Amino acid sequence: MPTLPHPQPCTVADILAALGGDFVAGCKPQSPEQITLADIAGLEHAPAGSISFITRAQFAQHLSASQAACIIVSAHLADLPEL
C-alpha cells in the first residue's frame, strides 16, 4: 500500500487563503502568518502547533484545555461565550 508524504507545515494564513473565513486572535495575539501548523488533531487531544475544529456547542467545554495553535469554528458557533 502506498504511503502519503508527510505534509509540510503551513501557516494559518495558508489555511485562510485556501478556505476563506475570518481570523480572530486568541489569548496570544499573533498574525495568521506567524502561526505555524504542523499537525491536525481532535480538540481535546490537540498538541501545541496543531489545528483542530469545533462544529458543535457541546465540544466547547474542551476549548480551555486544548493546546491547538488554531481552532476552526463553525460560523453558527461564533457567538459562544467560550470563544
Protein backbone atom coordinates (compact mmCIF):
# COMPACT_ATOMS: atom_id res chain seq x y z
CA MET A 1 0.00 0.00 0.00
CA PRO A 2 1.47 3.42 -0.91
CA THR A 3 2.10 5.89 1.87
CA LEU A 4 1.28 9.54 1.74
CA PRO A 5 4.14 12.02 2.04
CA HIS A 6 4.40 13.76 5.36
CA PRO A 7 2.58 17.08 5.00
CA GLN A 8 4.65 20.23 5.15
CA PRO A 9 3.93 22.70 7.94
CA CYS A 10 1.77 25.61 6.88
CA THR A 11 0.53 28.81 8.47
CA VAL A 12 -2.92 29.96 9.47
CA ALA A 13 -2.63 32.43 6.57
CA ASP A 14 -2.30 29.44 4.19
CA ILE A 15 -5.46 27.90 5.65
CA LEU A 16 -7.36 31.19 5.36
CA ALA A 17 -6.27 31.56 1.73
CA ALA A 18 -7.50 28.05 0.94
CA LEU A 19 -10.76 28.03 2.94
CA GLY A 20 -11.69 31.65 3.49
CA GLY A 21 -13.20 32.74 6.78
CA ASP A 22 -12.31 35.25 9.45
CA PHE A 23 -9.27 35.26 11.71
CA VAL A 24 -9.82 36.07 15.39
CA ALA A 25 -6.72 36.22 17.59
CA GLY A 26 -6.86 34.33 20.85
CA CYS A 27 -5.01 34.91 24.10
CA LYS A 28 -1.64 35.27 22.32
CA PRO A 29 -2.28 37.89 19.65
CA GLN A 30 -0.31 36.95 16.54
CA SER A 31 -0.86 37.46 12.86
CA PRO A 32 -2.00 34.50 10.73
CA GLU A 33 1.41 34.49 9.02
CA GLN A 34 3.16 33.93 12.37
CA ILE A 35 1.22 30.83 13.44
CA THR A 36 2.74 27.65 12.03
CA LEU A 37 0.70 24.45 11.96
CA ALA A 38 2.31 21.04 11.73
CA ASP A 39 -0.47 18.61 12.69
CA ILE A 40 -4.23 18.04 12.77
CA ALA A 41 -5.83 16.70 15.96
CA GLY A 42 -9.10 16.39 17.83
CA LEU A 43 -9.86 19.38 20.03
CA GLU A 44 -9.34 17.75 23.42
CA HIS A 45 -6.11 15.99 22.41
CA ALA A 46 -4.59 18.66 20.16
CA PRO A 47 -0.91 19.31 20.91
CA ALA A 48 0.77 22.69 20.55
CA GLY A 49 1.32 23.62 16.92
CA SER A 50 -1.73 21.73 15.69
CA ILE A 51 -5.00 22.76 14.09
CA SER A 52 -8.36 21.49 15.30
CA PHE A 53 -12.02 22.33 14.82
CA ILE A 54 -15.33 22.66 16.62
CA THR A 55 -18.66 22.08 14.91
CA ARG A 56 -20.99 21.51 17.88
CA ALA A 57 -21.56 23.61 21.00
CA GLN A 58 -21.22 20.56 23.24
CA PHE A 59 -17.49 20.40 22.44
CA ALA A 60 -16.87 24.00 23.56
CA GLN A 61 -16.10 22.66 27.04
CA HIS A 62 -12.81 21.33 25.65
CA LEU A 63 -11.61 24.71 24.33
CA SER A 64 -9.83 25.81 27.50
CA ALA A 65 -7.86 22.55 27.78
CA SER A 66 -6.85 22.41 24.13
CA GLN A 67 -3.30 23.34 23.18
CA ALA A 68 -4.14 23.75 19.48
CA ALA A 69 -2.48 26.72 17.82
CA CYS A 70 -5.56 27.25 15.65
CA ILE A 71 -9.17 26.16 16.01
CA ILE A 72 -11.61 26.35 13.12
CA VAL A 73 -15.06 27.28 14.44
CA SER A 74 -18.30 26.80 12.50
CA ALA A 75 -19.97 30.13 11.76
CA HIS A 76 -23.11 29.18 13.70
CA LEU A 77 -20.96 28.84 16.88
CA ALA A 78 -19.14 32.16 16.57
CA ASP A 79 -21.15 33.73 19.41
CA LEU A 80 -20.39 31.05 22.02
CA PRO A 81 -19.22 32.65 25.28
CA GLU A 82 -16.33 30.13 25.50
CA LEU A 83 -14.77 31.68 22.40
